[in-house]
Amino acid sequence: MSLHPYDILIRPLLTERSSSGGEFRYPKYTFVVSISSNKIQVRRAIEAAFDVKVRNVRTLRVGGKRKRLRSRKLGRRANWKKAIVTLEEGQSINLI
């Protein structure tokens, strides 16, 4: 089953730490991706959505935190998956 690139890529993760990767020889960008996606699907989705050449993809699953609700009840945020994408030299993505 072929998924649309935006079914895999949920949103870019723009933090101070993750957005500093564009200054290096091989720029790095961080995305929140579907929890069921794999590295090959993420690579194809990035290449199709932004018309760039991907050098490397690293993924990691982030566990949801326990949070207190309005009263003494405890809730839990959802688990999610993060992908750190390294592009080829000279390539970039304009996320802003």
PDB file of N, CA and C in Angstrom:
ATOM      1  N   MET A   1       0.839  -1.166   0.000  1.00  0.00           N
ATOM      2  CA  MET A   1       0.000   0.000   0.000  1.00  0.00           C
ATOM      3  C   MET A   1       0.893   1.240   0.000  1.00  0.00           C
ATOM      4  N   SER A   2       0.682   2.110  -0.959  1.00  0.00           N
ATOM      5  CA  SER A   2       1.474   3.321  -1.088  1.00  0.00           C
ATOM      6  C   SER A   2       0.809   4.457  -0.329  1.00  0.00           C
ATOM      7  N   LEU A   3       1.557   5.085   0.567  1.00  0.00           N
ATOM      8  CA  LEU A   3       1.049   6.198   1.353  1.00  0.00           C
ATOM      9  C   LEU A   3       1.500   7.517   0.743  1.00  0.00           C
ATOM     10  N   HIS A   4       0.688   8.528   0.892  1.00  0.00           N
ATOM     11  CA  HIS A   4       1.050   9.881   0.478  1.00  0.00           C
ATOM     12  C   HIS A   4       2.148  10.380   1.426  1.00  0.00           C
ATOM     13  N   PRO A   5       3.093  11.197   0.930  1.00  0.00           N
ATOM     14  CA  PRO A   5       4.173  11.672   1.822  1.00  0.00           C
ATOM     15  C   PRO A   5       3.672  12.377   3.082  1.00  0.00           C
ATOM     16  N   TYR A   6       2.545  13.076   2.979  1.00  0.00           N
ATOM     17  CA  TYR A   6       2.051  13.787   4.153  1.00  0.00           C
ATOM     18  C   TYR A   6       1.236  12.892   5.087  1.00  0.00           C
ATOM     19  N   ASP A   7       1.040  11.621   4.739  1.00  0.00           N
ATOM     20  CA  ASP A   7       0.512  10.646   5.690  1.00  0.00           C
ATOM     21  C   ASP A   7       1.642  10.154   6.603  1.00  0.00           C
ATOM     22  N   ILE A   8       2.869  10.225   6.127  1.00  0.00           N
ATOM     23  CA  ILE A   8       4.031   9.791   6.898  1.00  0.00           C
ATOM     24  C   ILE A   8       4.612  10.959   7.691  1.00  0.00           C
ATOM     25  N   LEU A   9       4.783  12.109   7.040  1.00  0.00           N
ATOM     26  CA  LEU A   9       5.330  13.300   7.694  1.00  0.00           C
ATOM     27  C   LEU A   9       4.196  14.052   8.373  1.00  0.00           C
ATOM     28  N   ILE A  10       4.228  14.134   9.686  1.00  0.00           N
ATOM     29  CA  ILE A  10       3.164  14.828  10.407  1.00  0.00           C
ATOM     30  C   ILE A  10       3.472  16.315  10.485  1.00  0.00           C
ATOM     31  N   ARG A  11       4.672  16.677  10.953  1.00  0.00           N
ATOM     32  CA  ARG A  11       5.052  18.087  11.027  1.00  0.00           C
ATOM     33  C   ARG A  11       6.550  18.168  11.277  1.00  0.00           C
ATOM     34  N   PRO A  12       7.167  19.302  10.930  1.00  0.00           N
ATOM     35  CA  PRO A  12       8.574  19.476  11.303  1.00  0.00           C
ATOM     36  C   PRO A  12       8.676  19.783  12.790  1.00  0.00           C
ATOM     37  N   LEU A  13       9.755  19.399  13.391  1.00  0.00           N
ATOM     38  CA  LEU A  13       9.995  19.650  14.809  1.00  0.00           C
ATOM     39  C   LEU A  13      10.986  20.806  14.895  1.00  0.00           C
ATOM     40  N   LEU A  14      10.460  21.992  15.172  1.00  0.00           N
ATOM     41  CA  LEU A  14      11.281  23.210  15.173  1.00  0.00           C
ATOM     42  C   LEU A  14      11.593  23.626  16.600  1.00  0.00           C
ATOM     43  N   THR A  15      12.734  23.195  17.090  1.00  0.00           N
ATOM     44  CA  THR A  15      13.236  23.622  18.385  1.00  0.00           C
ATOM     45  C   THR A  15      14.608  24.252  18.159  1.00  0.00           C
ATOM     46  N   GLU A  16      15.139  24.889  19.164  1.00  0.00           N
ATOM     47  CA  GLU A  16      16.444  25.514  19.020  1.00  0.00           C
ATOM     48  C   GLU A  16      17.522  24.476  18.726  1.00  0.00           C
ATOM     49  N   ARG A  17      17.418  23.354  19.354  1.00  0.00           N
ATOM     50  CA  ARG A  17      18.423  22.317  19.159  1.00  0.00           C
ATOM     51  C   ARG A  17      18.301  21.656  17.787  1.00  0.00           C
ATOM     52  N   SER A  18      17.078  21.378  17.344  1.00  0.00           N
ATOM     53  CA  SER A  18      16.917  20.668  16.079  1.00  0.00           C
ATOM     54  C   SER A  18      17.103  21.565  14.866  1.00  0.00           C
ATOM     55  N   SER A  19      16.900  22.865  15.019  1.00  0.00           N
ATOM     56  CA  SER A  19      17.029  23.750  13.861  1.00  0.00           C
ATOM     57  C   SER A  19      18.450  24.259  13.657  1.00  0.00           C
ATOM     58  N   SER A  20      19.382  23.912  14.512  1.00  0.00           N
ATOM     59  CA  SER A  20      20.766  24.346  14.333  1.00  0.00           C
ATOM     60  C   SER A  20      21.528  23.438  13.386  1.00  0.00           C
ATOM     61  N   GLY A  21      20.917  22.392  12.877  1.00  0.00           N
ATOM     62  CA  GLY A  21      21.598  21.438  12.007  1.00  0.00           C
ATOM     63  C   GLY A  21      21.805  21.904  10.590  1.00  0.00           C
ATOM     64  N   GLY A  22      21.204  23.017  10.171  1.00  0.00           N
ATOM     65  CA  GLY A  22      21.356  23.490   8.810  1.00  0.00           C
ATOM     66  C   GLY A  22      22.667  24.204   8.556  1.00  0.00           C
ATOM     67  N   GLU A  23      23.480  24.401   9.578  1.00  0.00           N
ATOM     68  CA  GLU A  23      24.720  25.155   9.446  1.00  0.00           C
ATOM     69  C   GLU A  23      25.918  24.272   9.119  1.00  0.00           C
ATOM     70  N   PHE A  24      25.754  22.982   9.111  1.00  0.00           N
ATOM     71  CA  PHE A  24      26.869  22.082   8.922  1.00  0.00           C
ATOM     72  C   PHE A  24      27.012  21.689   7.455  1.00  0.00           C
ATOM     73  N   ARG A  25      28.026  20.903   7.158  1.00  0.00           N
ATOM     74  CA  ARG A  25      28.275  20.455   5.788  1.00  0.00           C
ATOM     75  C   ARG A  25      27.104  19.632   5.265  1.00  0.00           C
ATOM     76  N   TYR A  26      26.606  18.724   6.091  1.00  0.00           N
ATOM     77  CA  TYR A  26      25.429  17.933   5.745  1.00  0.00           C
ATOM     78  C   TYR A  26      24.286  18.395   6.651  1.00  0.00           C
ATOM     79  N   PRO A  27      23.369  19.208   6.142  1.00  0.00           N
ATOM     80  CA  PRO A  27      22.310  19.762   6.998  1.00  0.00           C
ATOM     81  C   PRO A  27      21.369  18.687   7.527  1.00  0.00           C
ATOM     82  N   LYS A  28      20.896  18.876   8.765  1.00  0.00           N
ATOM     83  CA  LYS A  28      19.987  17.934   9.418  1.00  0.00           C
ATOM     84  C   LYS A  28      18.687  18.636   9.753  1.00  0.00           C
ATOM     85  N   TYR A  29      17.583  17.914   9.565  1.00  0.00           N
ATOM     86  CA  TYR A  29      16.254  18.413   9.879  1.00  0.00           C
ATOM     87  C   TYR A  29      15.519  17.346  10.664  1.00  0.00           C
ATOM     88  N   THR A  30      14.645  17.776  11.570  1.00  0.00           N
ATOM     89  CA  THR A  30      13.919  16.856  12.433  1.00  0.00           C
ATOM     90  C   THR A  30      12.429  16.959  12.137  1.00  0.00           C
ATOM     91  N   PHE A  31      11.766  15.799  12.044  1.00  0.00           N
ATOM     92  CA  PHE A  31      10.341  15.727  11.748  1.00  0.00           C
ATOM     93  C   PHE A  31       9.652  14.781  12.717  1.00  0.00           C
ATOM     94  N   VAL A  32       8.397  15.073  13.022  1.00  0.00           N
ATOM     95  CA  VAL A  32       7.532  14.125  13.709  1.00  0.00           C
ATOM     96  C   VAL A  32       6.888  13.300  12.609  1.00  0.00           C
ATOM     97  N   VAL A  33       7.022  11.979  12.694  1.00  0.00           N
ATOM     98  CA  VAL A  33       6.521  11.096  11.641  1.00  0.00           C
ATOM     99  C   VAL A  33       5.513  10.107  12.225  1.00  0.00           C
ATOM    100  N   SER A  34       4.827   9.420  11.348  1.00  0.00           N
ATOM    101  CA  SER A  34       3.871   8.402  11.756  1.00  0.00           C
ATOM    102  C   SER A  34       4.593   7.315  12.538  1.00  0.00           C
ATOM    103  N   ILE A  35       3.976   6.836  13.588  1.00  0.00           N
ATOM    104  CA  ILE A  35       4.636   5.868  14.469  1.00  0.00           C
ATOM    105  C   ILE A  35       4.833   4.511  13.785  1.00  0.00           C
ATOM    106  N   SER A  36       4.074   4.246  12.724  1.00  0.00           N
ATOM    107  CA  SER A  36       4.204   2.969  12.025  1.00  0.00           C
ATOM    108  C   SER A  36       5.136   3.051  10.822  1.00  0.00           C
ATOM    109  N   SER A  37       5.714   4.208  10.543  1.00  0.00           N
ATOM    110  CA  SER A  37       6.582   4.357   9.372  1.00  0.00           C
ATOM    111  C   SER A  37       7.987   3.855   9.677  1.00  0.00           C
ATOM    112  N   ASN A  38       8.685   3.464   8.612  1.00  0.00           N
ATOM    113  CA  ASN A  38      10.073   3.029   8.765  1.00  0.00           C
ATOM    114  C   ASN A  38      10.998   4.004   8.049  1.00  0.00           C
ATOM    115  N   LYS A  39      12.306   3.764   8.095  1.00  0.00           N
ATOM    116  CA  LYS A  39      13.285   4.696   7.549  1.00  0.00           C
ATOM    117  C   LYS A  39      13.152   4.855   6.036  1.00  0.00           C
ATOM    118  N   ILE A  40      12.853   3.788   5.346  1.00  0.00           N
ATOM    119  CA  ILE A  40      12.716   3.851   3.891  1.00  0.00           C
ATOM    120  C   ILE A  40      11.517   4.705   3.509  1.00  0.00           C
ATOM    121  N   GLN A  41      10.401   4.550   4.197  1.00  0.00           N
ATOM    122  CA  GLN A  41       9.226   5.358   3.920  1.00  0.00           C
ATOM    123  C   GLN A  41       9.479   6.832   4.229  1.00  0.00           C
ATOM    124  N   VAL A  42      10.198   7.116   5.309  1.00  0.00           N
ATOM    125  CA  VAL A  42      10.507   8.502   5.661  1.00  0.00           C
ATOM    126  C   VAL A  42      11.410   9.113   4.597  1.00  0.00           C
ATOM    127  N   ARG A  43      12.415   8.378   4.142  1.00  0.00           N
ATOM    128  CA  ARG A  43      13.325   8.872   3.096  1.00  0.00           C
ATOM    129  C   ARG A  43      12.553   9.207   1.826  1.00  0.00           C
ATOM    130  N   ARG A  44      11.689   8.312   1.383  1.00  0.00           N
ATOM    131  CA  ARG A  44      10.909   8.545   0.157  1.00  0.00           C
ATOM    132  C   ARG A  44       9.945   9.712   0.317  1.00  0.00           C
ATOM    133  N   ALA A  45       9.353   9.868   1.504  1.00  0.00           N
ATOM    134  CA  ALA A  45       8.413  10.962   1.740  1.00  0.00           C
ATOM    135  C   ALA A  45       9.131  12.313   1.719  1.00  0.00           C
ATOM    136  N   ILE A  46      10.313  12.402   2.325  1.00  0.00           N
ATOM    137  CA  ILE A  46      11.081  13.651   2.324  1.00  0.00           C
ATOM    138  C   ILE A  46      11.507  14.005   0.904  1.00  0.00           C
ATOM    139  N   GLU A  47      12.006  13.016   0.173  1.00  0.00           N
ATOM    140  CA  GLU A  47      12.456  13.277  -1.195  1.00  0.00           C
ATOM    141  C   GLU A  47      11.301  13.697  -2.101  1.00  0.00           C
ATOM    142  N   ALA A  48      10.120  13.120  -1.903  1.00  0.00           N
ATOM    143  CA  ALA A  48       8.975  13.474  -2.732  1.00  0.00           C
ATOM    144  C   ALA A  48       8.383  14.829  -2.342  1.00  0.00           C
ATOM    145  N   ALA A  49       8.327  15.126  -1.058  1.00  0.00           N
ATOM    146  CA  ALA A  49       7.674  16.351  -0.599  1.00  0.00           C
ATOM    147  C   ALA A  49       8.530  17.589  -0.822  1.00  0.00           C
ATOM    148  N   PHE A  50       9.852  17.477  -0.661  1.00  0.00           N
ATOM    149  CA  PHE A  50      10.708  18.658  -0.702  1.00  0.00           C
ATOM    150  C   PHE A  50      11.689  18.670  -1.867  1.00  0.00           C
ATOM    151  N   ASP A  51      11.708  17.650  -2.701  1.00  0.00           N
ATOM    152  CA  ASP A  51      12.575  17.560  -3.872  1.00  0.00           C
ATOM    153  C   ASP A  51      14.045  17.759  -3.494  1.00  0.00           C
ATOM    154  N   VAL A  52      14.502  16.950  -2.533  1.00  0.00           N
ATOM    155  CA  VAL A  52      15.889  16.966  -2.080  1.00  0.00           C
ATOM    156  C   VAL A  52      16.416  15.538  -2.083  1.00  0.00           C
ATOM    157  N   LYS A  53      17.716  15.376  -1.933  1.00  0.00           N
ATOM    158  CA  LYS A  53      18.351  14.065  -1.855  1.00  0.00           C
ATOM    159  C   LYS A  53      18.747  13.791  -0.409  1.00  0.00           C
ATOM    160  N   VAL A  54      18.235  12.702   0.161  1.00  0.00           N
ATOM    161  CA  VAL A  54      18.474  12.352   1.561  1.00  0.00           C
ATOM    162  C   VAL A  54      19.704  11.461   1.663  1.00  0.00           C
ATOM    163  N   ARG A  55      20.592  11.804   2.580  1.00  0.00           N
ATOM    164  CA  ARG A  55      21.806  11.022   2.819  1.00  0.00           C
ATOM    165  C   ARG A  55      21.583   9.950   3.876  1.00  0.00           C
ATOM    166  N   ASN A  56      20.884  10.303   4.978  1.00  0.00           N
ATOM    167  CA  ASN A  56      20.738   9.381   6.102  1.00  0.00           C
ATOM    168  C   ASN A  56      19.449   9.708   6.856  1.00  0.00           C
ATOM    169  N   VAL A  57      18.823   8.683   7.436  1.00  0.00           N
ATOM    170  CA  VAL A  57      17.633   8.867   8.277  1.00  0.00           C
ATOM    171  C   VAL A  57      17.853   8.112   9.579  1.00  0.00           C
ATOM    172  N   ARG A  58      17.648   8.805  10.686  1.00  0.00           N
ATOM    173  CA  ARG A  58      17.679   8.174  12.009  1.00  0.00           C
ATOM    174  C   ARG A  58      16.311   8.360  12.638  1.00  0.00           C
ATOM    175  N   THR A  59      15.791   7.316  13.236  1.00  0.00           N
ATOM    176  CA  THR A  59      14.473   7.405  13.867  1.00  0.00           C
ATOM    177  C   THR A  59      14.576   6.980  15.317  1.00  0.00           C
ATOM    178  N   LEU A  60      13.669   7.529  16.130  1.00  0.00           N
ATOM    179  CA  LEU A  60      13.564   7.092  17.508  1.00  0.00           C
ATOM    180  C   LEU A  60      12.143   7.298  17.981  1.00  0.00           C
ATOM    181  N   ARG A  61      11.716   6.406  18.853  1.00  0.00           N
ATOM    182  CA  ARG A  61      10.373   6.492  19.429  1.00  0.00           C
ATOM    183  C   ARG A  61      10.463   7.207  20.755  1.00  0.00           C
ATOM    184  N   VAL A  62       9.537   8.143  20.951  1.00  0.00           N
ATOM    185  CA  VAL A  62       9.508   8.937  22.168  1.00  0.00           C
ATOM    186  C   VAL A  62       8.263   8.538  22.947  1.00  0.00           C
ATOM    187  N   GLY A  63       8.466   8.128  24.185  1.00  0.00           N
ATOM    188  CA  GLY A  63       7.344   7.730  25.022  1.00  0.00           C
ATOM    189  C   GLY A  63       6.588   8.938  25.544  1.00  0.00           C
ATOM    190  N   GLY A  64       5.271   8.822  25.603  1.00  0.00           N
ATOM    191  CA  GLY A  64       4.452   9.914  26.111  1.00  0.00           C
ATOM    192  C   GLY A  64       4.617  10.088  27.614  1.00  0.00           C
ATOM    193  N   LYS A  65       4.558  11.337  28.057  1.00  0.00           N
ATOM    194  CA  LYS A  65       4.749  11.636  29.477  1.00  0.00           C
ATOM    195  C   LYS A  65       3.444  11.490  30.244  1.00  0.00           C
ATOM    196  N   ARG A  66       3.571  11.206  31.518  1.00  0.00           N
ATOM    197  CA  ARG A  66       2.403  11.205  32.409  1.00  0.00           C
ATOM    198  C   ARG A  66       2.112  12.633  32.809  1.00  0.00           C
ATOM    199  N   LYS A  67       0.859  13.032  32.710  1.00  0.00           N
ATOM    200  CA  LYS A  67       0.470  14.402  33.042  1.00  0.00           C
ATOM    201  C   LYS A  67      -0.725  14.384  33.973  1.00  0.00           C
ATOM    202  N   ARG A  68      -0.761  15.349  34.866  1.00  0.00           N
ATOM    203  CA  ARG A  68      -1.882  15.485  35.787  1.00  0.00           C
ATOM    204  C   ARG A  68      -2.998  16.242  35.082  1.00  0.00           C
ATOM    205  N   LEU A  69      -4.214  15.723  35.202  1.00  0.00           N
ATOM    206  CA  LEU A  69      -5.367  16.375  34.603  1.00  0.00           C
ATOM    207  C   LEU A  69      -5.933  17.410  35.570  1.00  0.00           C
ATOM    208  N   ARG A  70      -7.145  17.837  35.390  1.00  0.00           N
ATOM    209  CA  ARG A  70      -7.718  18.929  36.186  1.00  0.00           C
ATOM    210  C   ARG A  70      -7.799  18.614  37.678  1.00  0.00           C
ATOM    211  N   SER A  71      -7.909  17.386  37.995  1.00  0.00           N
ATOM    212  CA  SER A  71      -7.991  17.026  39.414  1.00  0.00           C
ATOM    213  C   SER A  71      -6.778  16.162  39.753  1.00  0.00           C
ATOM    214  N   ARG A  72      -6.948  15.219  40.624  1.00  0.00           N
ATOM    215  CA  ARG A  72      -5.838  14.362  41.013  1.00  0.00           C
ATOM    216  C   ARG A  72      -5.631  13.214  40.043  1.00  0.00           C
ATOM    217  N   LYS A  73      -6.478  13.140  39.010  1.00  0.00           N
ATOM    218  CA  LYS A  73      -6.338  12.064  38.037  1.00  0.00           C
ATOM    219  C   LYS A  73      -5.051  12.235  37.232  1.00  0.00           C
ATOM    220  N   LEU A  74      -4.473  11.112  36.853  1.00  0.00           N
ATOM    221  CA  LEU A  74      -3.290  11.141  36.012  1.00  0.00           C
ATOM    222  C   LEU A  74      -3.674  10.695  34.613  1.00  0.00           C
ATOM    223  N   GLY A  75      -3.177  11.411  33.624  1.00  0.00           N
ATOM    224  CA  GLY A  75      -3.382  11.044  32.235  1.00  0.00           C
ATOM    225  C   GLY A  75      -2.035  10.751  31.596  1.00  0.00           C
ATOM    226  N   ARG A  76      -2.057  10.490  30.317  1.00  0.00           N
ATOM    227  CA  ARG A  76      -0.824  10.171  29.616  1.00  0.00           C
ATOM    228  C   ARG A  76      -0.894  10.744  28.203  1.00  0.00           C
ATOM    229  N   ARG A  77       0.186  11.388  27.789  1.00  0.00           N
ATOM    230  CA  ARG A  77       0.276  11.862  26.416  1.00  0.00           C
ATOM    231  C   ARG A  77       0.612  10.695  25.503  1.00  0.00           C
ATOM    232  N   ALA A  78       0.335  10.859  24.234  1.00  0.00           N
ATOM    233  CA  ALA A  78       0.534   9.774  23.266  1.00  0.00           C
ATOM    234  C   ALA A  78       2.023   9.580  22.974  1.00  0.00           C
ATOM    235  N   ASN A  79       2.398   8.339  22.638  1.00  0.00           N
ATOM    236  CA  ASN A  79       3.735   8.052  22.145  1.00  0.00           C
ATOM    237  C   ASN A  79       3.855   8.608  20.732  1.00  0.00           C
ATOM    238  N   TRP A  80       5.074   9.000  20.334  1.00  0.00           N
ATOM    239  CA  TRP A  80       5.281   9.521  18.997  1.00  0.00           C
ATOM    240  C   TRP A  80       6.662   9.146  18.496  1.00  0.00           C
ATOM    241  N   LYS A  81       6.885   9.372  17.208  1.00  0.00           N
ATOM    242  CA  LYS A  81       8.136   8.978  16.581  1.00  0.00           C
ATOM    243  C   LYS A  81       8.801  10.194  15.946  1.00  0.00           C
ATOM    244  N   LYS A  82      10.114  10.285  16.112  1.00  0.00           N
ATOM    245  CA  LYS A  82      10.898  11.399  15.593  1.00  0.00           C
ATOM    246  C   LYS A  82      11.885  10.864  14.566  1.00  0.00           C
ATOM    247  N   ALA A  83      12.069  11.602  13.468  1.00  0.00           N
ATOM    248  CA  ALA A  83      13.045  11.240  12.442  1.00  0.00           C
ATOM    249  C   ALA A  83      14.013  12.396  12.254  1.00  0.00           C
ATOM    250  N   ILE A  84      15.310  12.102  12.313  1.00  0.00           N
ATOM    251  CA  ILE A  84      16.347  13.081  12.050  1.00  0.00           C
ATOM    252  C   ILE A  84      16.901  12.768  10.666  1.00  0.00           C
ATOM    253  N   VAL A  85      16.703  13.691   9.740  1.00  0.00           N
ATOM    254  CA  VAL A  85      17.027  13.482   8.338  1.00  0.00           C
ATOM    255  C   VAL A  85      18.258  14.299   7.983  1.00  0.00           C
ATOM    256  N   THR A  86      19.281  13.630   7.434  1.00  0.00           N
ATOM    257  CA  THR A  86      20.486  14.296   6.966  1.00  0.00           C
ATOM    258  C   THR A  86      20.417  14.381   5.452  1.00  0.00           C
ATOM    259  N   LEU A  87      20.602  15.580   4.908  1.00  0.00           N
ATOM    260  CA  LEU A  87      20.548  15.784   3.473  1.00  0.00           C
ATOM    261  C   LEU A  87      21.953  15.751   2.880  1.00  0.00           C
ATOM    262  N   GLU A  88      22.011  15.615   1.555  1.00  0.00           N
ATOM    263  CA  GLU A  88      23.289  15.661   0.866  1.00  0.00           C
ATOM    264  C   GLU A  88      23.864  17.078   0.928  1.00  0.00           C
ATOM    265  N   GLU A  89      25.146  17.186   0.667  1.00  0.00           N
ATOM    266  CA  GLU A  89      25.837  18.468   0.733  1.00  0.00           C
ATOM    267  C   GLU A  89      25.244  19.446  -0.282  1.00  0.00           C
ATOM    268  N   GLY A  90      24.992  20.668   0.188  1.00  0.00           N
ATOM    269  CA  GLY A  90      24.455  21.706  -0.685  1.00  0.00           C
ATOM    270  C   GLY A  90      22.936  21.744  -0.779  1.00  0.00           C
ATOM    271  N   GLN A  91      22.235  20.804  -0.177  1.00  0.00           N
ATOM    272  CA  GLN A  91      20.773  20.756  -0.217  1.00  0.00           C
ATOM    273  C   GLN A  91      20.212  21.412   1.047  1.00  0.00           C
ATOM    274  N   SER A  92      18.997  21.933   0.938  1.00  0.00           N
ATOM    275  CA  SER A  92      18.354  22.517   2.113  1.00  0.00           C
ATOM    276  C   SER A  92      16.835  22.482   1.944  1.00  0.00           C
ATOM    277  N   ILE A  93      16.138  22.614   3.059  1.00  0.00           N
ATOM    278  CA  ILE A  93      14.682  22.657   3.087  1.00  0.00           C
ATOM    279  C   ILE A  93      14.288  23.964   3.748  1.00  0.00           C
ATOM    280  N   ASN A  94      13.379  24.706   3.127  1.00  0.00           N
ATOM    281  CA  ASN A  94      12.889  25.947   3.702  1.00  0.00           C
ATOM    282  C   ASN A  94      11.617  25.636   4.488  1.00  0.00           C
ATOM    283  N   LEU A  95      11.712  25.616   5.807  1.00  0.00           N
ATOM    284  CA  LEU A  95      10.574  25.243   6.649  1.00  0.00           C
ATOM    285  C   LEU A  95       9.829  26.449   7.206  1.00  0.00           C
ATOM    286  N   ILE A  96      10.364  27.631   7.056  1.00  0.00           N
ATOM    287  CA  ILE A  96       9.738  28.813   7.654  1.00  0.00           C
ATOM    288  C   ILE A  96       8.984  29.605   6.614  1.00  0.00           C
TER     289      ILE A  96
END
